[in-house]
Amino acid sequence: MNQIKIEGRHALHGTIQISGAKNSAVALVPASLLADELVTIDNVPNISDIAALDEILTYLGADVTRDGSIMKIDPSKIECKEIPESISTKLRASYYFMSAMLGKFHHVEMYFPGGCAIGARPIDQTLKAFRSLGATVIEDGNKYIVDAEKLIGAPIYLDMPSVGATINAILVAVKAEGVTTIENAAKEPEIVSVATFLNNMGAKIRGAGTSTITINGVNKLHGCFTEVIPDRIEAGTYIIAGALLGDHLRIQNLIPDHVDSLILKLKEMGYPMEIGDDYIEISAIDSPKAVSVKTLGYPGFPTDLQQPLTVLLTQCKGTSKLEETIYENRFGHVPYLNRMGADILIKDRSIFVTGGTKLIGKEVDATDLRAGAAMILAGLASQGTTTINSIEHVLRGYENILEKLTDAGAKVELIEI
């Protein structure tokens, strides 16, 4: 287990470059198995989640090479075999292999995926999509055996606009016979990225980014090149860091429209920002205003930025309300913030943050990926020294976070214990 030690209250300046999106890359990599030829993916972040996907690819027989941010995957020799629990449970996104393998071989055996403990994350909508296309699903404990004599295009109505279920439905439908229509689909940019990738391979997908996606099945997908979109959650995290401690901190290589919900909240708080085609520049201000925030699917406020934003709310004048509508267990960071001096009350699926409090460095835990990011932000904003345990959660999703913060003026150190 490693720790991060942070000496707080150092101004952040200069430029932070945003990496490729974790939530896009972890779907693009399994999607590559649907091709019959070499695919090349650029701007792949160097994070542990990608290493875990690489392990599954290699286990299945794919030829994988990595050169910096470029990942080349030749899936022409992959085998249809059980994906063991020891590797499938390392990350939530392993379940994209379930749909890619089912789409390619009409059969898959693997164990329930892993990921952060942020509440119930069922795969019932994914299984519903499989069954709609003609597959049978056998659940044996946390093992799933999914089989289809043939996959036939059909209407799929998702009970909620789940990102994972939408991507899984797309992956399994691209080679199904006939037409598949996904209604109540999620609209996140990562879904558009996956659909574009598959279309570049020869798939016929229309409507990605809207609530209705139509897929005309094809027999073959060829190789192609794609580039991972910038990580909007990483960008949002550093924008919040700039709101806390920025001295003209520039966040570069982002798509401003992808973080529009955060920009609007920061403007409501009173923050002036310089917004360019691919950057945002922001500085800390005195006494930002309290706001109300409700997490929603895209283009609403993202649940993945709820925890980092909580840290900024502790510095806002007045009482802010933050309602979490996506996951019921995403307040693991709150007890640690209160230990550091925050005044936060949890009530059902909302928190009430009385701002203007002084944060003091303490020893805290990163209970999940985005809670870990929140703890880093809290450490940066606190007086004294903060020590964060279980930092592996953060390294799963933020490429070179310590180096990027150090280059911007932070005093952070990784401690190996």
Protein backbone atom coordinates (compact mmCIF):
# COMPACT_ATOMS: atom_id res chain seq x y z
CA MET A 1 0.00 0.00 0.00
CA ASN A 2 1.33 3.44 -0.95
CA GLN A 3 0.63 6.84 0.52
CA ILE A 4 0.67 10.38 -0.78
CA LYS A 5 1.96 13.15 1.46
CA ILE A 6 0.86 16.71 0.64
CA GLU A 7 2.10 20.00 2.03
CA GLY A 8 -0.86 22.29 1.58
CA ARG A 9 -1.60 25.87 0.57
CA HIS A 10 0.86 26.19 -2.34
CA ALA A 11 -0.47 28.16 -5.31
CA LEU A 12 -0.99 26.32 -8.59
CA HIS A 13 0.19 27.98 -11.77
CA GLY A 14 1.41 27.20 -15.27
CA THR A 15 -0.28 24.61 -17.47
CA ILE A 16 -1.66 21.12 -16.81
CA GLN A 17 -2.13 18.93 -19.90
CA ILE A 18 -5.15 16.64 -19.87
CA SER A 19 -4.68 12.98 -20.81
CA GLY A 20 -6.91 10.65 -22.76
CA ALA A 21 -10.20 9.81 -21.08
CA LYS A 22 -10.15 6.79 -18.80
CA ASN A 23 -13.85 6.13 -19.33
CA SER A 24 -13.37 6.20 -23.10
CA ALA A 25 -10.17 4.15 -23.26
CA VAL A 26 -11.50 1.35 -21.05
CA ALA A 27 -14.34 0.83 -23.55
CA LEU A 28 -12.31 1.26 -26.74
CA VAL A 29 -9.77 -1.39 -25.74
CA PRO A 30 -12.32 -4.25 -25.33
CA ALA A 31 -14.20 -3.01 -28.42
CA SER A 32 -11.07 -3.67 -30.47
CA LEU A 33 -11.70 -7.43 -30.12
CA LEU A 34 -14.63 -7.12 -32.54
CA ALA A 35 -12.20 -6.33 -35.39
CA ASP A 36 -10.50 -9.02 -37.45
CA GLU A 37 -7.38 -6.93 -38.08
CA LEU A 38 -4.93 -4.65 -36.30
CA VAL A 39 -6.36 -1.57 -34.62
CA THR A 40 -4.37 1.38 -33.30
CA ILE A 41 -5.56 3.58 -30.43
CA ASP A 42 -3.68 6.81 -29.66
CA ASN A 43 -3.79 9.04 -26.57
CA VAL A 44 -4.26 6.04 -24.26
CA PRO A 45 -3.60 7.07 -20.64
CA ASN A 46 -0.93 5.22 -18.71
CA ILE A 47 -3.08 4.10 -15.77
CA SER A 48 -3.52 0.82 -13.94
CA ASP A 49 -7.00 0.21 -15.42
CA ILE A 50 -5.45 0.04 -18.89
CA ALA A 51 -2.78 -2.35 -17.60
CA ALA A 52 -5.57 -4.61 -16.29
CA LEU A 53 -7.32 -4.58 -19.69
CA ASP A 54 -3.99 -5.33 -21.37
CA GLU A 55 -3.70 -8.40 -19.12
CA ILE A 56 -7.11 -9.67 -20.26
CA LEU A 57 -6.27 -9.02 -23.92
CA THR A 58 -3.03 -10.96 -23.64
CA TYR A 59 -4.76 -13.81 -21.80
CA LEU A 60 -7.29 -14.12 -24.64
CA GLY A 61 -4.49 -14.31 -27.20
CA ALA A 62 -4.40 -10.81 -28.65
CA ASP A 63 -1.06 -9.34 -29.71
CA VAL A 64 -0.69 -6.06 -27.82
CA THR A 65 2.10 -3.51 -28.11
CA ARG A 66 2.37 -0.14 -26.39
CA ASP A 67 4.61 2.76 -27.35
CA GLY A 68 3.98 5.74 -25.15
CA SER A 69 0.34 6.71 -25.59
CA ILE A 70 -0.11 4.47 -28.65
CA MET A 71 -1.66 1.03 -28.16
CA LYS A 72 -1.75 -1.45 -31.04
CA ILE A 73 -4.04 -4.48 -30.73
CA ASP A 74 -4.13 -7.40 -33.15
CA PRO A 75 -7.19 -9.49 -32.18
CA SER A 76 -6.98 -11.92 -35.10
CA LYS A 77 -5.84 -14.84 -32.92
CA ILE A 78 -7.97 -14.39 -29.82
CA GLU A 79 -9.62 -17.48 -28.34
CA CYS A 80 -13.09 -17.86 -26.88
CA LYS A 81 -12.28 -19.00 -23.36
CA GLU A 82 -13.37 -18.24 -19.82
CA ILE A 83 -12.04 -14.99 -18.42
CA PRO A 84 -10.99 -15.94 -14.88
CA GLU A 85 -12.07 -14.13 -11.75
CA SER A 86 -8.49 -13.18 -10.86
CA ILE A 87 -8.35 -10.71 -13.75
CA SER A 88 -11.99 -9.85 -14.49
CA THR A 89 -12.60 -8.41 -11.01
CA LYS A 90 -9.72 -5.93 -11.17
CA LEU A 91 -11.91 -3.25 -12.72
CA ARG A 92 -15.52 -2.49 -13.56
CA ALA A 93 -14.81 -2.00 -17.27
CA SER A 94 -13.90 -5.67 -17.72
CA TYR A 95 -17.58 -6.26 -18.47
CA TYR A 96 -17.08 -4.65 -21.87
CA PHE A 97 -15.22 -7.84 -22.74
CA MET A 98 -18.43 -9.72 -21.97
CA SER A 99 -20.32 -7.94 -24.75
CA ALA A 100 -17.39 -7.86 -27.20
CA MET A 101 -16.79 -11.61 -26.81
CA LEU A 102 -20.51 -12.35 -27.09
CA GLY A 103 -20.72 -10.23 -30.21
CA LYS A 104 -17.74 -11.96 -31.81
CA PHE A 105 -18.15 -15.59 -30.70
CA HIS A 106 -21.80 -15.73 -29.54
CA HIS A 107 -20.49 -17.14 -26.26
CA VAL A 108 -18.71 -15.77 -23.21
CA GLU A 109 -17.90 -16.95 -19.68
CA MET A 110 -16.58 -14.51 -17.10
CA TYR A 111 -17.00 -13.29 -13.55
CA PHE A 112 -18.78 -10.19 -12.31
CA PRO A 113 -16.57 -7.15 -12.81
CA GLY A 114 -14.83 -5.24 -10.04
CA GLY A 115 -14.31 -1.52 -9.50
CA CYS A 116 -14.82 1.03 -6.73
CA ALA A 117 -17.26 0.37 -3.89
CA ILE A 118 -19.56 3.34 -4.53
CA GLY A 119 -22.89 1.55 -4.23
CA ALA A 120 -24.93 -0.94 -6.19
CA ARG A 121 -23.68 -1.21 -9.75
CA PRO A 122 -25.79 -3.99 -11.21
CA ILE A 123 -25.42 -5.23 -14.76
CA ASP A 124 -29.11 -6.05 -15.16
CA GLN A 125 -29.54 -3.58 -18.05
CA THR A 126 -26.59 -5.14 -19.87
CA LEU A 127 -28.08 -8.61 -19.40
CA LYS A 128 -31.45 -7.27 -20.57
CA ALA A 129 -29.77 -6.13 -23.80
CA PHE A 130 -28.16 -9.54 -24.29
CA ARG A 131 -31.48 -11.32 -23.84
CA SER A 132 -33.24 -8.89 -26.20
CA LEU A 133 -30.84 -9.92 -28.96
CA GLY A 134 -31.46 -13.64 -28.40
CA ALA A 135 -28.83 -14.66 -25.85
CA THR A 136 -29.43 -16.87 -22.83
CA VAL A 137 -27.78 -15.92 -19.55
CA ILE A 138 -26.86 -18.35 -16.80
CA GLU A 139 -25.81 -16.83 -13.48
CA ASP A 140 -23.73 -19.13 -11.28
CA GLY A 141 -22.84 -17.11 -8.20
CA ASN A 142 -20.80 -14.22 -9.58
CA LYS A 143 -20.01 -16.10 -12.80
CA TYR A 144 -21.94 -15.44 -15.98
CA ILE A 145 -22.29 -17.83 -18.92
CA VAL A 146 -23.86 -16.10 -21.91
CA ASP A 147 -24.65 -18.00 -25.09
CA ALA A 148 -26.48 -17.29 -28.36
CA GLU A 149 -27.02 -19.60 -31.32
CA LYS A 150 -27.40 -16.37 -33.29
CA LEU A 151 -27.80 -12.71 -32.39
CA ILE A 152 -30.81 -11.04 -33.97
CA GLY A 153 -31.30 -7.27 -34.01
CA ALA A 154 -34.21 -6.09 -31.86
CA PRO A 155 -35.51 -3.07 -29.92
CA ILE A 156 -33.74 -2.55 -26.59
CA TYR A 157 -35.30 -0.21 -24.02
CA LEU A 158 -32.99 0.66 -21.14
CA ASP A 159 -34.80 1.29 -17.84
CA MET A 160 -32.24 4.00 -17.12
CA PRO A 161 -29.70 5.73 -19.40
CA SER A 162 -26.72 3.73 -18.16
CA VAL A 163 -23.38 4.43 -19.86
CA GLY A 164 -22.12 0.89 -19.36
CA ALA A 165 -25.33 -0.75 -20.57
CA THR A 166 -25.48 1.54 -23.61
CA ILE A 167 -21.91 0.70 -24.63
CA ASN A 168 -22.45 -3.01 -23.98
CA ALA A 169 -25.63 -3.00 -26.07
CA ILE A 170 -23.74 -1.34 -28.93
CA LEU A 171 -20.85 -3.81 -28.75
CA VAL A 172 -23.07 -6.88 -28.87
CA ALA A 173 -25.35 -5.46 -31.58
CA VAL A 174 -22.82 -4.38 -34.22
CA LYS A 175 -22.53 -7.93 -35.62
CA ALA A 176 -26.11 -9.03 -34.91
CA GLU A 177 -28.34 -9.83 -37.86
CA GLY A 178 -30.70 -7.00 -38.78
CA VAL A 179 -31.45 -3.73 -37.02
CA THR A 180 -31.11 -2.94 -33.31
CA THR A 181 -32.59 0.19 -31.75
CA ILE A 182 -31.47 1.28 -28.28
CA GLU A 183 -34.01 3.57 -26.61
CA ASN A 184 -33.30 5.69 -23.51
CA ALA A 185 -29.60 5.45 -24.33
CA ALA A 186 -27.02 7.41 -22.36
CA LYS A 187 -25.55 10.42 -24.18
CA GLU A 188 -22.04 10.72 -22.73
CA PRO A 189 -19.13 11.72 -25.04
CA GLU A 190 -17.49 8.35 -24.31
CA ILE A 191 -20.41 6.63 -26.06
CA VAL A 192 -19.92 8.80 -29.15
CA SER A 193 -16.22 7.88 -29.03
CA VAL A 194 -16.96 4.14 -29.03
CA ALA A 195 -19.53 4.46 -31.83
CA THR A 196 -17.09 6.47 -33.96
CA PHE A 197 -14.39 3.85 -33.39
CA LEU A 198 -16.70 1.03 -34.46
CA ASN A 199 -17.95 2.98 -37.48
CA ASN A 200 -14.33 3.48 -38.53
CA MET A 201 -14.07 -0.34 -38.45
CA GLY A 202 -17.08 -0.67 -40.74
CA ALA A 203 -20.00 -0.73 -38.30
CA LYS A 204 -23.23 1.11 -39.10
CA ILE A 205 -24.24 3.06 -35.99
CA ARG A 206 -26.39 6.20 -36.01
CA GLY A 207 -27.60 8.43 -33.21
CA ALA A 208 -24.78 8.07 -30.67
CA GLY A 209 -24.98 11.04 -28.32
CA THR A 210 -28.79 11.03 -28.48
CA SER A 211 -31.36 8.97 -26.58
CA THR A 212 -32.01 6.71 -29.61
CA ILE A 213 -29.21 4.72 -31.23
CA THR A 214 -29.79 2.63 -34.34
CA ILE A 215 -27.41 -0.16 -35.38
CA ASN A 216 -27.48 -2.07 -38.66
CA GLY A 217 -25.56 -5.29 -38.10
CA VAL A 218 -22.54 -6.14 -40.27
CA ASN A 219 -20.62 -9.38 -40.80
CA LYS A 220 -17.08 -8.08 -40.57
CA LEU A 221 -15.14 -5.29 -38.90
CA HIS A 222 -11.72 -4.31 -40.21
CA GLY A 223 -8.79 -2.56 -38.58
CA CYS A 224 -8.64 1.20 -38.05
CA PHE A 225 -7.02 4.07 -36.15
CA THR A 226 -8.71 6.11 -33.43
CA GLU A 227 -7.72 8.61 -30.75
CA VAL A 228 -9.03 8.72 -27.20
CA ILE A 229 -10.91 11.93 -26.40
CA PRO A 230 -9.60 14.19 -23.59
CA ASP A 231 -10.64 13.14 -20.10
CA ARG A 232 -13.44 15.48 -19.01
CA ILE A 233 -13.35 14.17 -15.41
CA GLU A 234 -9.59 14.70 -15.11
CA ALA A 235 -10.07 18.16 -16.62
CA GLY A 236 -12.86 18.95 -14.15
CA THR A 237 -10.72 17.80 -11.22
CA TYR A 238 -7.87 20.15 -12.16
CA ILE A 239 -10.28 23.00 -12.88
CA ILE A 240 -11.57 22.58 -9.33
CA ALA A 241 -7.97 22.57 -8.09
CA GLY A 242 -7.49 25.87 -9.91
CA ALA A 243 -10.63 27.27 -8.28
CA LEU A 244 -9.16 26.36 -4.89
CA LEU A 245 -5.54 27.46 -5.37
CA GLY A 246 -5.04 28.65 -8.93
CA ASP A 247 -2.88 31.59 -9.92
CA HIS A 248 -3.84 31.77 -13.60
CA LEU A 249 -3.73 27.98 -13.80
CA ARG A 250 -4.38 26.81 -17.36
CA ILE A 251 -5.99 23.42 -18.02
CA GLN A 252 -4.99 22.50 -21.58
CA ASN A 253 -6.15 19.86 -24.09
CA LEU A 254 -9.79 19.65 -23.06
CA ILE A 255 -13.13 20.10 -24.79
CA PRO A 256 -14.91 22.93 -22.93
CA ASP A 257 -18.37 21.70 -23.97
CA HIS A 258 -17.67 18.42 -22.14
CA VAL A 259 -17.31 20.26 -18.81
CA ASP A 260 -20.03 22.84 -19.42
CA SER A 261 -22.06 21.81 -16.36
CA LEU A 262 -19.03 22.49 -14.13
CA ILE A 263 -18.28 25.78 -15.88
CA LEU A 264 -21.84 26.96 -15.24
CA LYS A 265 -21.59 26.13 -11.52
CA LEU A 266 -18.25 27.91 -11.20
CA LYS A 267 -19.72 31.00 -12.86
CA GLU A 268 -22.62 30.81 -10.40
CA MET A 269 -20.05 30.73 -7.58
CA GLY A 270 -18.50 33.93 -8.96
CA TYR A 271 -15.42 32.61 -10.75
CA PRO A 272 -14.18 34.49 -13.82
CA MET A 273 -12.55 32.16 -16.35
CA GLU A 274 -10.77 32.46 -19.66
CA ILE A 275 -12.19 29.79 -21.94
CA GLY A 276 -10.49 28.96 -25.24
CA ASP A 277 -11.06 26.31 -27.89
CA ASP A 278 -9.06 23.72 -25.93
CA TYR A 279 -8.25 25.30 -22.57
CA ILE A 280 -9.65 26.95 -19.46
CA GLU A 281 -7.67 29.35 -17.29
CA ILE A 282 -8.84 29.90 -13.72
CA SER A 283 -7.67 31.53 -10.49
CA ALA A 284 -8.81 31.25 -6.89
CA ILE A 285 -11.14 33.97 -5.54
CA ASP A 286 -12.16 35.12 -2.08
CA SER A 287 -15.50 33.87 -0.71
CA PRO A 288 -17.08 32.03 -3.64
CA LYS A 289 -20.86 31.71 -3.36
CA ALA A 290 -22.70 28.59 -2.17
CA VAL A 291 -24.62 26.66 -4.84
CA SER A 292 -26.97 23.71 -5.24
CA VAL A 293 -25.82 20.78 -7.38
CA LYS A 294 -27.61 17.65 -8.56
CA THR A 295 -25.74 14.85 -10.33
CA LEU A 296 -27.32 13.65 -13.56
CA GLY A 297 -26.39 11.82 -16.72
CA TYR A 298 -24.66 13.85 -19.43
CA PRO A 299 -25.02 16.74 -20.14
CA GLY A 300 -25.95 17.18 -16.47
CA PHE A 301 -23.43 17.48 -13.65
CA PRO A 302 -21.31 14.30 -13.62
CA THR A 303 -21.35 12.03 -10.59
CA ASP A 304 -17.59 11.55 -11.05
CA LEU A 305 -17.03 15.23 -10.18
CA GLN A 306 -19.37 15.26 -7.19
CA GLN A 307 -16.68 14.25 -4.70
CA PRO A 308 -13.98 16.66 -5.97
CA LEU A 309 -16.52 19.50 -6.04
CA THR A 310 -17.40 18.89 -2.37
CA VAL A 311 -13.95 20.14 -1.42
CA LEU A 312 -14.57 23.44 -3.20
CA LEU A 313 -17.98 23.76 -1.54
CA THR A 314 -16.26 23.76 1.88
CA GLN A 315 -14.75 27.12 0.87
CA CYS A 316 -18.00 28.68 -0.42
CA LYS A 317 -19.82 31.32 1.62
CA GLY A 318 -23.12 29.90 2.91
CA THR A 319 -24.59 26.40 2.78
CA SER A 320 -24.44 24.37 -0.41
CA LYS A 321 -26.60 21.36 -1.19
CA LEU A 322 -25.29 18.50 -3.31
CA GLU A 323 -27.68 15.71 -4.32
CA GLU A 324 -26.29 12.41 -5.65
CA THR A 325 -28.81 10.67 -7.92
CA ILE A 326 -26.57 8.07 -9.60
CA TYR A 327 -24.91 6.08 -6.78
CA GLU A 328 -26.17 5.70 -3.24
CA ASN A 329 -22.76 5.18 -1.62
CA ARG A 330 -20.68 8.03 -2.96
CA PHE A 331 -20.08 9.98 0.23
CA GLY A 332 -17.09 7.99 1.53
CA HIS A 333 -15.00 11.15 1.42
CA VAL A 334 -17.27 13.14 3.74
CA PRO A 335 -16.13 11.75 7.13
CA TYR A 336 -12.52 12.50 6.20
CA LEU A 337 -13.34 16.04 5.09
CA ASN A 338 -15.14 16.59 8.38
CA ARG A 339 -12.08 15.26 10.21
CA MET A 340 -10.07 17.93 8.36
CA GLY A 341 -12.39 20.67 9.58
CA ALA A 342 -15.25 20.72 7.09
CA ASP A 343 -18.87 21.07 8.20
CA ILE A 344 -20.83 18.57 6.10
CA LEU A 345 -24.10 16.85 6.97
CA ILE A 346 -25.25 13.73 5.12
CA LYS A 347 -29.01 13.33 4.77
CA ASP A 348 -30.23 10.44 2.65
CA ARG A 349 -28.65 10.96 -0.80
CA SER A 350 -27.77 14.61 -0.28
CA ILE A 351 -25.07 16.47 1.59
CA PHE A 352 -25.29 19.96 3.04
CA VAL A 353 -21.95 21.79 3.13
CA THR A 354 -21.61 24.83 5.36
CA GLY A 355 -18.71 26.64 3.76
CA GLY A 356 -15.98 29.03 4.80
CA THR A 357 -14.28 26.46 7.03
CA LYS A 358 -10.53 26.14 7.45
CA LEU A 359 -9.19 22.74 6.42
CA ILE A 360 -6.33 21.22 8.45
CA GLY A 361 -4.10 18.43 7.14
CA LYS A 362 -4.79 14.97 8.60
CA GLU A 363 -4.21 11.30 7.78
CA VAL A 364 -7.10 10.13 5.58
CA ASP A 365 -8.06 7.28 3.22
CA ALA A 366 -8.95 7.21 -0.46
CA THR A 367 -12.06 5.03 -0.30
CA ASP A 368 -12.52 5.02 -4.08
CA LEU A 369 -11.11 6.69 -7.20
CA ARG A 370 -12.97 10.01 -7.09
CA ALA A 371 -12.95 10.14 -3.28
CA GLY A 372 -9.18 9.84 -3.55
CA ALA A 373 -9.12 12.79 -5.95
CA ALA A 374 -11.20 14.73 -3.43
CA MET A 375 -8.71 13.92 -0.68
CA ILE A 376 -5.85 15.19 -2.85
CA LEU A 377 -7.72 18.44 -3.47
CA ALA A 378 -8.43 18.73 0.25
CA GLY A 379 -4.77 18.16 1.03
CA LEU A 380 -3.73 20.85 -1.45
CA ALA A 381 -6.18 23.30 0.16
CA SER A 382 -5.34 22.47 3.80
CA GLN A 383 -2.99 24.03 6.28
CA GLY A 384 -0.18 21.66 7.22
CA THR A 385 0.47 18.16 5.93
CA THR A 386 -2.06 15.60 4.70
CA THR A 387 -1.29 11.90 4.33
CA ILE A 388 -3.57 9.84 2.06
CA ASN A 389 -3.70 6.05 2.33
CA SER A 390 -4.91 3.53 -0.30
CA ILE A 391 -3.78 5.85 -3.06
CA GLU A 392 -3.85 2.99 -5.59
CA HIS A 393 -7.49 3.94 -6.21
CA VAL A 394 -6.37 7.30 -7.62
CA LEU A 395 -3.61 5.82 -9.77
CA ARG A 396 -6.30 3.71 -11.48
CA GLY A 397 -7.79 6.75 -13.13
CA TYR A 398 -5.42 9.76 -13.20
CA GLU A 399 -2.33 9.58 -15.38
CA ASN A 400 0.80 11.09 -13.78
CA ILE A 401 -1.27 13.04 -11.26
CA LEU A 402 1.63 13.65 -8.89
CA GLU A 403 3.93 14.85 -11.66
CA LYS A 404 1.27 17.17 -13.09
CA LEU A 405 0.54 18.72 -9.70
CA THR A 406 4.23 19.06 -8.83
CA ASP A 407 4.95 20.82 -12.12
CA ALA A 408 2.09 23.23 -11.30
CA GLY A 409 3.64 24.15 -7.93
CA ALA A 410 2.12 21.63 -5.50
CA LYS A 411 4.22 19.90 -2.83
CA VAL A 412 3.25 16.24 -3.15
CA GLU A 413 5.23 13.08 -2.53
CA LEU A 414 4.55 9.39 -3.08
CA ILE A 415 5.56 7.25 -0.08
CA GLU A 416 6.09 3.54 -0.67
CA ILE A 417 5.35 1.50 2.43
